[in-house]
C-alpha atoms as a PDB file:
ATOM      1  CA  MET A   1      82.210 207.078 -83.624  1.00  0.00           C
ATOM      2  CA  ARG A   2      83.626 206.409 -87.067  1.00  0.00           C
ATOM      3  CA  ALA A   3      87.194 207.021 -85.871  1.00  0.00           C
ATOM      4  CA  PHE A   4      86.668 204.515 -83.044  1.00  0.00           C
ATOM      5  CA  ALA A   5      85.459 201.906 -85.539  1.00  0.00           C
ATOM      6  CA  LYS A   6      88.614 202.403 -87.614  1.00  0.00           C
ATOM      7  CA  ASP A   7      90.849 201.969 -84.561  1.00  0.00           C
ATOM      8  CA  GLU A   8      88.960 198.866 -83.538  1.00  0.00           C
ATOM      9  CA  GLU A   9      89.252 197.492 -87.079  1.00  0.00           C
ATOM     10  CA  ARG A  10      93.007 198.113 -87.116  1.00  0.00           C
ATOM     11  CA  GLY A  11      93.408 196.324 -83.807  1.00  0.00           C
ATOM     12  CA  THR A  12      91.536 193.332 -85.134  1.00  0.00           C
ATOM     13  CA  LYS A  13      93.662 193.178 -88.263  1.00  0.00           C
ATOM     14  CA  SER A  14      96.897 193.286 -86.306  1.00  0.00           C
ATOM     15  CA  MET A  15      95.639 190.491 -84.069  1.00  0.00           C
ATOM     16  CA  GLU A  16      94.747 188.432 -87.144  1.00  0.00           C
ATOM     17  CA  ARG A  17      98.266 188.819 -88.476  1.00  0.00           C
ATOM     18  CA  ASN A  18      99.758 187.656 -85.181  1.00  0.00           C
ATOM     19  CA  ASP A  19      97.488 184.613 -85.187  1.00  0.00           C
ATOM     20  CA  SER A  20      98.173 183.935 -88.850  1.00  0.00           C
ATOM     21  CA  ALA A  21     101.898 183.654 -88.227  1.00  0.00           C
ATOM     22  CA  ALA A  22     101.173 180.721 -85.930  1.00  0.00           C
ATOM     23  CA  GLN A  23      98.926 178.968 -88.471  1.00  0.00           C
ATOM     24  CA  ASP A  24     100.290 176.444 -90.891  1.00  0.00           C
ATOM     25  CA  PRO A  25     100.428 177.646 -94.522  1.00  0.00           C
ATOM     26  CA  ALA A  26      97.576 175.394 -95.707  1.00  0.00           C
ATOM     27  CA  SER A  27      95.069 176.673 -93.157  1.00  0.00           C
ATOM     28  CA  ARG A  28      96.250 180.265 -93.663  1.00  0.00           C
ATOM     29  CA  LEU A  29      95.753 179.836 -97.421  1.00  0.00           C
ATOM     30  CA  ALA A  30      92.228 178.508 -96.890  1.00  0.00           C
ATOM     31  CA  ALA A  31      91.384 181.414 -94.567  1.00  0.00           C
ATOM     32  CA  LEU A  32      92.711 183.946 -97.080  1.00  0.00           C
ATOM     33  CA  ARG A  33      90.659 182.414 -99.875  1.00  0.00           C
ATOM     34  CA  VAL A  34      87.505 182.619 -97.760  1.00  0.00           C
ATOM     35  CA  GLU A  35      88.220 186.249 -96.899  1.00  0.00           C
ATOM     36  CA  HIS A  36      88.898 187.000-100.587  1.00  0.00           C
ATOM     37  CA  ARG A  37      85.510 185.531-101.564  1.00  0.00           C
ATOM     38  CA  ASP A  38      83.811 187.465 -98.765  1.00  0.00           C
ATOM     39  CA  LEU A  39      85.333 190.680-100.078  1.00  0.00           C
ATOM     40  CA  ASP A  40      83.969 189.833-103.532  1.00  0.00           C
ATOM     41  CA  VAL A  41      80.479 189.642-102.060  1.00  0.00           C
ATOM     42  CA  ALA A  42      80.954 192.855-100.082  1.00  0.00           C
ATOM     43  CA  ILE A  43      82.238 194.734-103.136  1.00  0.00           C
ATOM     44  CA  ASP A  44      79.318 193.536-105.256  1.00  0.00           C
ATOM     45  CA  ALA A  45      76.845 194.541-102.554  1.00  0.00           C
ATOM     46  CA  LEU A  46      78.423 197.976-102.248  1.00  0.00           C
ATOM     47  CA  ARG A  47      78.376 198.470-106.025  1.00  0.00           C
ATOM     48  CA  SER A  48      74.685 197.581-106.189  1.00  0.00           C
ATOM     49  CA  MET A  49      73.771 200.426-103.832  1.00  0.00           C
ATOM     50  CA  ALA A  50      72.182 203.547-105.331  1.00  0.00           C
ATOM     51  CA  ALA A  51      75.061 205.763-104.167  1.00  0.00           C
ATOM     52  CA  PRO A  52      78.008 203.532-103.265  1.00  0.00           C
ATOM     53  CA  ASP A  53      80.708 204.904-100.971  1.00  0.00           C
ATOM     54  CA  GLN A  54      83.631 205.202-103.380  1.00  0.00           C
ATOM     55  CA  LEU A  55      86.216 205.459-100.604  1.00  0.00           C
ATOM     56  CA  GLN A  56      84.979 202.287 -98.922  1.00  0.00           C
ATOM     57  CA  LEU A  57      84.850 200.558-102.308  1.00  0.00           C
ATOM     58  CA  ALA A  58      88.469 201.522-102.997  1.00  0.00           C
ATOM     59  CA  ARG A  59      89.548 200.261 -99.565  1.00  0.00           C
ATOM     60  CA  LEU A  60      87.831 196.923-100.093  1.00  0.00           C
ATOM     61  CA  LYS A  61      89.440 196.536-103.518  1.00  0.00           C
ATOM     62  CA  LYS A  62      92.883 197.317-102.085  1.00  0.00           C
ATOM     63  CA  ARG A  63      92.385 194.777 -99.320  1.00  0.00           C
ATOM     64  CA  LYS A  64      91.286 192.219-101.894  1.00  0.00           C
ATOM     65  CA  LEU A  65      94.448 192.833-103.949  1.00  0.00           C
ATOM     66  CA  ARG A  66      96.645 192.459-100.858  1.00  0.00           C
ATOM     67  CA  LEU A  67      94.918 189.170-100.090  1.00  0.00           C
ATOM     68  CA  LYS A  68      95.448 188.014-103.669  1.00  0.00           C
ATOM     69  CA  ASP A  69      99.166 188.778-103.377  1.00  0.00           C
ATOM     70  CA  GLU A  70      99.424 186.933-100.069  1.00  0.00           C
ATOM     71  CA  ILE A  71      97.560 183.959-101.550  1.00  0.00           C
ATOM     72  CA  ALA A  72     100.007 183.897-104.475  1.00  0.00           C
ATOM     73  CA  VAL A  73     102.994 183.890-102.092  1.00  0.00           C
ATOM     74  CA  LEU A  74     101.574 181.003-100.074  1.00  0.00           C
ATOM     75  CA  GLU A  75     100.751 179.038-103.228  1.00  0.00           C
ATOM     76  CA  ASP A  76     104.322 179.549-104.451  1.00  0.00           C
ATOM     77  CA  LEU A  77     105.605 178.138-101.153  1.00  0.00           C
ATOM     78  CA  LYS A  78     103.670 174.922-101.817  1.00  0.00           C
ATOM     79  CA  ILE A  79     105.584 174.318-105.044  1.00  0.00           C
ATOM     80  CA  PRO A  80     109.157 173.157-104.413  1.00  0.00           C
ATOM     81  CA  ASP A  81     111.965 174.842-106.292  1.00  0.00           C
ATOM     82  CA  ILE A  82     113.562 172.328-108.640  1.00  0.00           C
ATOM     83  CA  ILE A  83     116.899 173.241-110.127  1.00  0.00           C
ATOM     84  CA  ALA A  84     117.075 171.845-113.637  1.00  0.00           C
END
């Protein structure tokens, strides 16, 4: 059952990426920020458990870092390059 959940999760993520390519950068940035905040909540909830799943915690943290990097790229695109 757990393997099926992982496959389903991967399929969802790949679909999100296909949809995200069609989104404009501003709405994609807003969606990434929401997901980043949601991961914060999920990580805090997992940490507060008596015996947190360290593997799941590491995966959530990695995902959060990837989102942070993607947010930074999109924010950089908003700022025009000015040659001085």
